């Protein structure tokens, strides 16, 4: 599942790797753009479920439906509004979001790719948020995101944490 999926580059990478994807974003324009990108990339025939909805509402409904997901890619905004005006604030909503993902995977996801562009979340903080919830043996890979300046210096752009279960390999 690709949450806060924007224009779909991660969705395309997963589709190209042979997996099916649930692409979820609250903006219809972004989901349409992602669908166009899949068409332009020759991946439109792959198995993808395009969803325009508030992430937290969608996850709760998938839990009620008894759905099971094995992997998650997410790049939550610092602040955002859902399809019906719902407010997402990362400081308040990230813990609940992680709890919902764990419920959808039985606390044993195969992988999670979490990026965060909010200054309040270091790579170690992201790892701690995930590590305290996952009941699967695996490894964490954390790092800082940056954008190179023309001077050669790096401009800080956020953090990431990637979790991979033992049954997968990087």
N, C-alpha and C. Protein backbone atom coordinates (compact mmCIF):
# COMPACT_ATOMS: atom_id res chain seq x y z
N UNK A 1 0.85 -1.17 0.00
CA UNK A 1 0.00 0.00 0.00
C UNK A 1 0.90 1.23 0.00
N UNK A 2 0.60 2.15 -0.90
CA UNK A 2 1.32 3.41 -0.98
C UNK A 2 0.38 4.51 -0.50
N UNK A 3 0.70 5.09 0.66
CA UNK A 3 -0.15 6.10 1.28
C UNK A 3 0.45 7.48 1.09
N UNK A 4 -0.40 8.49 0.95
CA UNK A 4 0.06 9.84 0.61
C UNK A 4 0.90 9.72 -0.66
N UNK A 5 0.36 9.05 -1.63
CA UNK A 5 1.11 8.52 -2.77
C UNK A 5 1.45 9.53 -3.86
N UNK A 6 0.87 10.71 -3.81
CA UNK A 6 1.21 11.79 -4.73
C UNK A 6 1.17 11.34 -6.19
N UNK A 7 2.24 11.65 -6.94
CA UNK A 7 2.24 11.38 -8.38
C UNK A 7 2.62 9.95 -8.74
N UNK A 8 2.93 9.13 -7.75
CA UNK A 8 3.02 7.70 -7.98
C UNK A 8 4.35 7.07 -8.31
N UNK A 9 5.47 7.74 -8.11
CA UNK A 9 6.76 7.12 -8.47
C UNK A 9 7.00 5.83 -7.70
N UNK A 10 6.65 5.81 -6.42
CA UNK A 10 6.82 4.57 -5.64
C UNK A 10 5.86 3.50 -6.12
N UNK A 11 4.64 3.89 -6.46
CA UNK A 11 3.67 2.94 -7.00
C UNK A 11 4.22 2.30 -8.27
N UNK A 12 4.79 3.11 -9.15
CA UNK A 12 5.33 2.59 -10.41
C UNK A 12 6.49 1.62 -10.15
N UNK A 13 7.34 1.95 -9.19
CA UNK A 13 8.48 1.07 -8.88
C UNK A 13 7.99 -0.28 -8.37
N UNK A 14 6.98 -0.27 -7.50
CA UNK A 14 6.46 -1.52 -6.95
C UNK A 14 5.74 -2.33 -8.03
N UNK A 15 4.97 -1.65 -8.87
CA UNK A 15 4.30 -2.34 -9.98
C UNK A 15 5.32 -2.97 -10.92
N UNK A 16 6.37 -2.23 -11.22
CA UNK A 16 7.41 -2.74 -12.12
C UNK A 16 8.11 -3.94 -11.51
N UNK A 17 8.15 -4.01 -10.18
CA UNK A 17 8.75 -5.15 -9.51
C UNK A 17 7.83 -6.36 -9.43
N UNK A 18 6.59 -6.21 -9.88
CA UNK A 18 5.69 -7.36 -9.96
C UNK A 18 4.63 -7.44 -8.87
N UNK A 19 4.61 -6.50 -7.95
CA UNK A 19 3.62 -6.55 -6.87
C UNK A 19 2.37 -5.77 -7.26
N UNK A 20 1.27 -6.08 -6.60
CA UNK A 20 0.06 -5.28 -6.76
C UNK A 20 0.11 -4.15 -5.73
N UNK A 21 -0.59 -3.05 -6.01
CA UNK A 21 -0.49 -1.86 -5.17
C UNK A 21 -1.87 -1.25 -4.95
N UNK A 22 -2.08 -0.77 -3.74
CA UNK A 22 -3.19 0.12 -3.45
C UNK A 22 -2.58 1.51 -3.33
N UNK A 23 -2.87 2.38 -4.29
CA UNK A 23 -2.33 3.74 -4.36
C UNK A 23 -3.36 4.66 -3.75
N UNK A 24 -3.01 5.34 -2.65
CA UNK A 24 -3.97 6.12 -1.88
C UNK A 24 -3.49 7.55 -1.67
N UNK A 25 -4.31 8.49 -2.09
CA UNK A 25 -4.04 9.90 -1.84
C UNK A 25 -5.37 10.62 -1.72
N UNK A 26 -5.41 11.71 -0.96
CA UNK A 26 -6.67 12.43 -0.77
C UNK A 26 -6.97 13.40 -1.90
N UNK A 27 -6.02 13.59 -2.81
CA UNK A 27 -6.20 14.52 -3.92
C UNK A 27 -6.51 13.77 -5.22
N UNK A 28 -7.69 14.02 -5.78
CA UNK A 28 -8.06 13.38 -7.04
C UNK A 28 -7.08 13.76 -8.15
N UNK A 29 -6.65 15.02 -8.15
CA UNK A 29 -5.70 15.46 -9.17
C UNK A 29 -4.39 14.69 -9.11
N UNK A 30 -3.91 14.39 -7.91
CA UNK A 30 -2.67 13.63 -7.78
C UNK A 30 -2.86 12.18 -8.21
N UNK A 31 -4.00 11.60 -7.86
CA UNK A 31 -4.26 10.21 -8.27
C UNK A 31 -4.41 10.13 -9.79
N UNK A 32 -5.07 11.11 -10.39
CA UNK A 32 -5.17 11.14 -11.86
C UNK A 32 -3.79 11.26 -12.49
N UNK A 33 -2.93 12.09 -11.91
CA UNK A 33 -1.57 12.26 -12.42
C UNK A 33 -0.80 10.94 -12.29
N UNK A 34 -0.95 10.26 -11.17
CA UNK A 34 -0.28 8.97 -10.98
C UNK A 34 -0.76 7.96 -12.01
N UNK A 35 -2.06 7.94 -12.26
CA UNK A 35 -2.62 7.02 -13.27
C UNK A 35 -2.04 7.35 -14.65
N UNK A 36 -1.93 8.64 -14.97
CA UNK A 36 -1.31 9.06 -16.24
C UNK A 36 0.14 8.59 -16.30
N UNK A 37 0.85 8.70 -15.18
CA UNK A 37 2.24 8.25 -15.13
C UNK A 37 2.34 6.74 -15.36
N UNK A 38 1.39 5.98 -14.82
CA UNK A 38 1.37 4.53 -15.05
C UNK A 38 1.14 4.24 -16.53
N UNK A 39 0.24 4.97 -17.15
CA UNK A 39 0.00 4.80 -18.59
C UNK A 39 1.25 5.12 -19.39
N UNK A 40 1.87 6.26 -19.09
CA UNK A 40 3.07 6.69 -19.82
C UNK A 40 4.24 5.74 -19.62
N UNK A 41 4.26 5.05 -18.49
CA UNK A 41 5.35 4.12 -18.18
C UNK A 41 5.09 2.70 -18.67
N UNK A 42 3.95 2.48 -19.29
CA UNK A 42 3.62 1.14 -19.77
C UNK A 42 3.23 0.19 -18.65
N UNK A 43 2.77 0.73 -17.52
CA UNK A 43 2.42 -0.11 -16.37
C UNK A 43 0.93 -0.10 -16.06
N UNK A 44 0.14 0.50 -16.93
CA UNK A 44 -1.30 0.63 -16.67
C UNK A 44 -2.00 -0.73 -16.59
N UNK A 45 -1.43 -1.74 -17.21
CA UNK A 45 -2.04 -3.08 -17.19
C UNK A 45 -1.76 -3.84 -15.89
N UNK A 46 -0.87 -3.32 -15.07
CA UNK A 46 -0.52 -3.98 -13.80
C UNK A 46 -1.65 -3.80 -12.79
N UNK A 47 -1.63 -4.62 -11.74
CA UNK A 47 -2.71 -4.61 -10.76
C UNK A 47 -2.51 -3.48 -9.74
N UNK A 48 -3.31 -2.42 -9.91
CA UNK A 48 -3.26 -1.28 -9.00
C UNK A 48 -4.68 -0.82 -8.68
N UNK A 49 -4.88 -0.49 -7.46
CA UNK A 49 -6.17 0.02 -6.98
C UNK A 49 -5.97 1.50 -6.68
N UNK A 50 -6.59 2.37 -7.47
CA UNK A 50 -6.44 3.82 -7.33
C UNK A 50 -7.50 4.34 -6.37
N UNK A 51 -7.10 4.94 -5.26
CA UNK A 51 -8.05 5.39 -4.24
C UNK A 51 -7.85 6.87 -3.93
N UNK A 52 -8.96 7.63 -3.95
CA UNK A 52 -8.96 9.03 -3.54
C UNK A 52 -9.75 9.09 -2.24
N UNK A 53 -9.02 9.24 -1.14
CA UNK A 53 -9.71 9.24 0.15
C UNK A 53 -8.76 9.69 1.25
N UNK A 54 -9.32 10.10 2.36
CA UNK A 54 -8.55 10.41 3.56
C UNK A 54 -7.89 9.11 4.04
N UNK A 55 -6.59 9.17 4.30
CA UNK A 55 -5.82 7.98 4.65
C UNK A 55 -6.36 7.29 5.91
N UNK A 56 -6.55 8.03 6.98
CA UNK A 56 -6.99 7.40 8.23
C UNK A 56 -8.37 6.76 8.08
N UNK A 57 -9.29 7.43 7.41
CA UNK A 57 -10.63 6.84 7.18
C UNK A 57 -10.53 5.56 6.37
N UNK A 58 -9.71 5.59 5.32
CA UNK A 58 -9.57 4.42 4.45
C UNK A 58 -8.99 3.24 5.22
N UNK A 59 -7.95 3.48 6.02
CA UNK A 59 -7.33 2.39 6.78
C UNK A 59 -8.32 1.77 7.76
N UNK A 60 -9.09 2.59 8.44
CA UNK A 60 -10.09 2.06 9.38
C UNK A 60 -11.13 1.21 8.66
N UNK A 61 -11.53 1.62 7.48
CA UNK A 61 -12.50 0.84 6.71
C UNK A 61 -11.89 -0.48 6.22
N UNK A 62 -10.64 -0.46 5.82
CA UNK A 62 -9.97 -1.69 5.38
C UNK A 62 -9.85 -2.68 6.54
N UNK A 63 -9.61 -2.18 7.74
CA UNK A 63 -9.56 -3.05 8.93
C UNK A 63 -10.92 -3.70 9.15
N UNK A 64 -11.99 -2.91 9.07
CA UNK A 64 -13.34 -3.47 9.23
C UNK A 64 -13.65 -4.52 8.17
N UNK A 65 -13.09 -4.36 6.98
CA UNK A 65 -13.30 -5.32 5.89
C UNK A 65 -12.44 -6.57 6.04
N UNK A 66 -11.53 -6.56 7.01
CA UNK A 66 -10.66 -7.71 7.23
C UNK A 66 -9.53 -7.82 6.23
N UNK A 67 -9.14 -6.72 5.62
CA UNK A 67 -8.07 -6.72 4.63
C UNK A 67 -6.71 -6.94 5.31
N UNK A 68 -5.79 -7.47 4.54
CA UNK A 68 -4.43 -7.74 5.03
C UNK A 68 -3.45 -7.16 4.02
N UNK A 69 -2.50 -6.38 4.50
CA UNK A 69 -1.46 -5.80 3.65
C UNK A 69 -0.10 -6.20 4.21
N UNK A 70 0.85 -6.44 3.33
CA UNK A 70 2.17 -6.90 3.76
C UNK A 70 3.24 -5.81 3.73
N UNK A 71 3.02 -4.75 2.97
CA UNK A 71 4.04 -3.71 2.88
C UNK A 71 3.42 -2.33 2.73
N UNK A 72 4.17 -1.34 3.22
CA UNK A 72 3.66 0.02 3.23
C UNK A 72 4.75 1.00 2.81
N UNK A 73 4.37 1.93 1.97
CA UNK A 73 5.22 3.05 1.59
C UNK A 73 4.43 4.30 1.95
N UNK A 74 5.03 5.19 2.73
CA UNK A 74 4.30 6.39 3.09
C UNK A 74 5.22 7.59 3.26
N UNK A 75 4.72 8.71 2.79
CA UNK A 75 5.41 9.99 2.87
C UNK A 75 4.40 11.02 3.38
N UNK A 76 4.03 10.91 4.67
CA UNK A 76 2.97 11.78 5.18
C UNK A 76 3.38 13.25 5.20
N UNK A 77 2.42 14.12 4.95
CA UNK A 77 2.72 15.56 5.01
C UNK A 77 2.81 16.02 6.46
N UNK A 78 3.47 17.13 6.67
CA UNK A 78 3.47 17.75 7.99
C UNK A 78 2.05 18.16 8.37
N UNK A 79 1.35 18.69 7.38
CA UNK A 79 -0.04 19.12 7.56
C UNK A 79 -0.76 18.89 6.24
N UNK A 80 -1.97 18.39 6.31
CA UNK A 80 -2.73 18.20 5.08
C UNK A 80 -4.21 18.12 5.36
N UNK A 81 -4.97 18.22 4.29
CA UNK A 81 -6.43 18.09 4.37
C UNK A 81 -6.86 16.91 3.52
N UNK A 82 -7.77 16.11 4.08
CA UNK A 82 -8.30 14.96 3.37
C UNK A 82 -9.30 15.36 2.31
N UNK A 83 -9.81 14.38 1.58
CA UNK A 83 -10.72 14.61 0.48
C UNK A 83 -11.98 15.35 0.91
N UNK A 84 -12.39 15.19 2.15
CA UNK A 84 -13.59 15.87 2.66
C UNK A 84 -13.24 16.93 3.70
N UNK A 85 -12.01 17.42 3.66
CA UNK A 85 -11.59 18.47 4.57
C UNK A 85 -11.02 18.00 5.89
N UNK A 86 -10.83 16.69 6.07
CA UNK A 86 -10.24 16.17 7.31
C UNK A 86 -8.83 16.75 7.45
N UNK A 87 -8.44 17.04 8.68
CA UNK A 87 -7.12 17.63 8.93
C UNK A 87 -6.16 16.53 9.39
N UNK A 88 -4.97 16.48 8.77
CA UNK A 88 -3.90 15.57 9.18
C UNK A 88 -2.75 16.42 9.69
N UNK A 89 -2.33 16.17 10.93
CA UNK A 89 -1.15 16.81 11.51
C UNK A 89 -0.22 15.70 11.94
N UNK A 90 0.98 15.69 11.39
CA UNK A 90 1.87 14.55 11.59
C UNK A 90 2.18 14.32 13.07
N UNK A 91 2.39 15.37 13.84
CA UNK A 91 2.73 15.19 15.25
C UNK A 91 1.62 14.47 16.01
N UNK A 92 0.38 14.74 15.64
CA UNK A 92 -0.77 14.14 16.32
C UNK A 92 -1.16 12.80 15.70
N UNK A 93 -1.09 12.70 14.38
CA UNK A 93 -1.69 11.56 13.68
C UNK A 93 -0.74 10.43 13.30
N UNK A 94 0.58 10.66 13.32
CA UNK A 94 1.50 9.59 12.92
C UNK A 94 1.41 8.36 13.82
N UNK A 95 1.33 8.49 15.15
CA UNK A 95 1.20 7.28 15.97
C UNK A 95 -0.05 6.46 15.64
N UNK A 96 -1.20 7.13 15.47
CA UNK A 96 -2.42 6.40 15.10
C UNK A 96 -2.27 5.74 13.73
N UNK A 97 -1.67 6.45 12.81
CA UNK A 97 -1.44 5.91 11.47
C UNK A 97 -0.62 4.63 11.55
N UNK A 98 0.46 4.65 12.33
CA UNK A 98 1.30 3.46 12.48
C UNK A 98 0.53 2.32 13.14
N UNK A 99 -0.29 2.63 14.14
CA UNK A 99 -1.10 1.59 14.78
C UNK A 99 -2.05 0.94 13.79
N UNK A 100 -2.66 1.73 12.92
CA UNK A 100 -3.58 1.19 11.91
C UNK A 100 -2.83 0.30 10.91
N UNK A 101 -1.64 0.71 10.51
CA UNK A 101 -0.84 -0.12 9.60
C UNK A 101 -0.47 -1.45 10.24
N UNK A 102 -0.15 -1.40 11.53
CA UNK A 102 0.18 -2.64 12.22
C UNK A 102 -1.04 -3.55 12.29
N UNK A 103 -2.20 -2.98 12.52
CA UNK A 103 -3.41 -3.79 12.57
C UNK A 103 -3.69 -4.44 11.21
N UNK A 104 -3.42 -3.72 10.14
CA UNK A 104 -3.64 -4.26 8.79
C UNK A 104 -2.64 -5.35 8.42
N UNK A 105 -1.52 -5.40 9.13
CA UNK A 105 -0.48 -6.40 8.83
C UNK A 105 -0.29 -7.41 9.95
N UNK A 106 -1.17 -7.42 10.93
CA UNK A 106 -1.01 -8.32 12.07
C UNK A 106 0.27 -8.06 12.84
N UNK A 107 0.73 -6.81 12.86
CA UNK A 107 1.98 -6.39 13.50
C UNK A 107 3.21 -7.07 12.89
N UNK A 108 3.05 -7.65 11.70
CA UNK A 108 4.18 -8.34 11.07
C UNK A 108 4.29 -7.96 9.60
N UNK A 109 4.56 -6.68 9.32
CA UNK A 109 4.71 -6.27 7.93
C UNK A 109 5.99 -6.84 7.33
N UNK A 110 5.99 -7.00 6.02
CA UNK A 110 7.21 -7.43 5.33
C UNK A 110 8.16 -6.25 5.13
N UNK A 111 7.59 -5.07 4.90
CA UNK A 111 8.43 -3.88 4.76
C UNK A 111 7.62 -2.62 5.03
N UNK A 112 8.33 -1.59 5.44
CA UNK A 112 7.77 -0.25 5.58
C UNK A 112 8.83 0.74 5.12
N UNK A 113 8.44 1.62 4.23
CA UNK A 113 9.30 2.73 3.81
C UNK A 113 8.60 4.00 4.27
N UNK A 114 9.18 4.67 5.25
CA UNK A 114 8.59 5.87 5.84
C UNK A 114 9.54 7.04 5.63
N UNK A 115 9.06 8.06 4.96
CA UNK A 115 9.82 9.29 4.81
C UNK A 115 9.05 10.41 5.49
N UNK A 116 9.79 11.39 5.98
CA UNK A 116 9.18 12.48 6.73
C UNK A 116 9.97 13.75 6.47
N UNK A 117 9.28 14.78 6.08
CA UNK A 117 9.93 16.06 5.78
C UNK A 117 9.69 17.09 6.87
N UNK A 118 9.28 16.64 8.04
CA UNK A 118 9.05 17.52 9.18
C UNK A 118 10.30 17.55 10.05
N UNK A 119 10.70 18.72 10.46
CA UNK A 119 11.95 18.85 11.22
C UNK A 119 11.91 18.17 12.57
N UNK A 120 10.74 17.91 13.12
CA UNK A 120 10.64 17.31 14.44
C UNK A 120 10.87 15.81 14.49
N UNK A 121 11.11 15.19 13.35
CA UNK A 121 11.27 13.73 13.31
C UNK A 121 12.64 13.37 12.74
N UNK A 122 13.56 13.00 13.61
CA UNK A 122 14.88 12.55 13.18
C UNK A 122 14.77 11.11 12.67
N UNK A 123 15.80 10.61 11.98
CA UNK A 123 15.77 9.21 11.56
C UNK A 123 15.58 8.26 12.74
N UNK A 124 16.25 8.53 13.85
CA UNK A 124 16.13 7.67 15.03
C UNK A 124 14.71 7.73 15.61
N UNK A 125 14.09 8.91 15.61
CA UNK A 125 12.71 9.02 16.10
C UNK A 125 11.77 8.18 15.24
N UNK A 126 11.95 8.21 13.93
CA UNK A 126 11.11 7.39 13.05
C UNK A 126 11.31 5.90 13.34
N UNK A 127 12.57 5.49 13.55
CA UNK A 127 12.83 4.09 13.86
C UNK A 127 12.15 3.69 15.16
N UNK A 128 12.21 4.54 16.16
CA UNK A 128 11.58 4.21 17.45
C UNK A 128 10.07 4.07 17.31
N UNK A 129 9.46 4.91 16.48
CA UNK A 129 8.01 4.82 16.25
C UNK A 129 7.66 3.47 15.64
N UNK A 130 8.46 3.00 14.70
CA UNK A 130 8.20 1.71 14.06
C UNK A 130 8.60 0.54 14.94
N UNK A 131 9.79 0.62 15.52
CA UNK A 131 10.36 -0.51 16.27
C UNK A 131 9.47 -0.93 17.43
N UNK A 132 8.82 0.00 18.07
CA UNK A 132 7.96 -0.33 19.19
C UNK A 132 6.66 -0.99 18.81
N UNK A 133 6.38 -1.09 17.52
CA UNK A 133 5.11 -1.64 17.06
C UNK A 133 5.24 -2.94 16.27
N UNK A 134 6.38 -3.19 15.69
CA UNK A 134 6.55 -4.34 14.80
C UNK A 134 6.94 -5.58 15.59
N UNK A 135 6.23 -6.69 15.37
CA UNK A 135 6.52 -7.96 16.05
C UNK A 135 7.16 -8.96 15.10
N UNK A 136 7.99 -8.49 14.25
CA UNK A 136 8.64 -9.30 13.22
C UNK A 136 10.14 -9.06 13.32
N UNK A 137 10.94 -10.09 13.19
CA UNK A 137 12.38 -9.88 13.14
C UNK A 137 12.72 -9.26 11.79
N UNK A 138 13.62 -8.29 11.85
CA UNK A 138 14.01 -7.62 10.62
C UNK A 138 15.06 -6.58 10.91
N UNK A 139 15.33 -5.76 9.91
CA UNK A 139 16.37 -4.74 10.07
C UNK A 139 15.81 -3.37 9.70
N UNK A 140 16.43 -2.36 10.30
CA UNK A 140 16.07 -0.97 10.05
C UNK A 140 17.22 -0.29 9.34
N UNK A 141 16.89 0.57 8.43
CA UNK A 141 17.86 1.38 7.70
C UNK A 141 17.36 2.82 7.79
N UNK A 142 18.12 3.68 8.46
CA UNK A 142 17.67 5.05 8.68
C UNK A 142 18.65 6.02 8.05
N UNK A 143 18.16 7.21 7.74
CA UNK A 143 19.03 8.21 7.17
C UNK A 143 18.35 9.56 7.06
N UNK A 144 19.16 10.54 6.73
CA UNK A 144 18.65 11.88 6.49
C UNK A 144 18.47 12.08 5.00
N UNK A 145 17.43 12.82 4.65
CA UNK A 145 17.19 13.19 3.27
C UNK A 145 17.80 14.56 3.05
N UNK A 146 18.39 14.78 1.88
CA UNK A 146 19.00 16.08 1.61
C UNK A 146 18.91 16.40 0.13
N UNK A 147 19.05 17.68 -0.15
CA UNK A 147 19.07 18.18 -1.53
C UNK A 147 20.40 18.88 -1.72
N UNK A 148 21.18 18.47 -2.74
CA UNK A 148 22.47 19.14 -2.94
C UNK A 148 22.28 20.55 -3.51
N UNK A 149 23.00 21.49 -2.93
CA UNK A 149 23.00 22.86 -3.43
C UNK A 149 24.06 22.98 -4.52
N UNK A 150 23.97 24.01 -5.34
CA UNK A 150 24.97 24.20 -6.39
C UNK A 150 26.36 24.40 -5.81
N UNK A 151 26.44 24.86 -4.57
CA UNK A 151 27.73 25.06 -3.91
C UNK A 151 28.37 23.74 -3.47
N UNK A 152 27.59 22.65 -3.54
CA UNK A 152 28.09 21.37 -3.08
C UNK A 152 27.62 21.02 -1.67
N UNK A 153 27.14 22.01 -0.95
CA UNK A 153 26.61 21.76 0.38
C UNK A 153 25.27 21.05 0.27
N UNK A 154 24.89 20.37 1.35
CA UNK A 154 23.62 19.66 1.38
C UNK A 154 22.59 20.44 2.18
N UNK A 155 21.40 20.53 1.64
CA UNK A 155 20.29 21.19 2.32
C UNK A 155 19.43 20.10 2.96
N UNK A 156 19.21 20.16 4.29
CA UNK A 156 18.42 19.11 4.94
C UNK A 156 16.98 19.11 4.42
N UNK A 157 16.45 17.91 4.16
CA UNK A 157 15.11 17.80 3.57
C UNK A 157 14.23 16.78 4.28
N UNK A 158 14.69 16.25 5.41
CA UNK A 158 13.86 15.30 6.14
C UNK A 158 14.62 14.06 6.56
N UNK A 159 13.85 13.05 6.92
CA UNK A 159 14.41 11.79 7.43
C UNK A 159 13.69 10.61 6.79
N UNK A 160 14.33 9.46 6.85
CA UNK A 160 13.65 8.25 6.41
C UNK A 160 14.00 7.08 7.31
N UNK A 161 13.10 6.11 7.31
CA UNK A 161 13.31 4.86 8.03
C UNK A 161 12.71 3.75 7.18
N UNK A 162 13.52 2.77 6.88
CA UNK A 162 13.06 1.62 6.10
C UNK A 162 13.19 0.39 6.98
N UNK A 163 12.11 -0.34 7.10
CA UNK A 163 12.10 -1.61 7.83
C UNK A 163 11.92 -2.72 6.81
N UNK A 164 12.74 -3.78 6.94
CA UNK A 164 12.64 -4.95 6.07
C UNK A 164 12.65 -6.19 6.95
N UNK A 165 11.63 -7.03 6.81
CA UNK A 165 11.57 -8.26 7.61
C UNK A 165 12.65 -9.23 7.16
N UNK A 166 12.94 -10.20 8.02
CA UNK A 166 13.96 -11.20 7.70
C UNK A 166 13.63 -11.99 6.44
N UNK A 167 12.34 -12.16 6.13
CA UNK A 167 11.99 -12.98 4.97
C UNK A 167 12.26 -12.27 3.64
N UNK A 168 12.54 -10.97 3.68
CA UNK A 168 12.93 -10.21 2.49
C UNK A 168 14.39 -9.82 2.61
N UNK A 169 14.97 -9.42 1.52
CA UNK A 169 16.34 -8.91 1.58
C UNK A 169 16.43 -7.66 0.73
N UNK A 170 17.28 -6.74 1.18
CA UNK A 170 17.49 -5.50 0.42
C UNK A 170 18.54 -5.69 -0.64
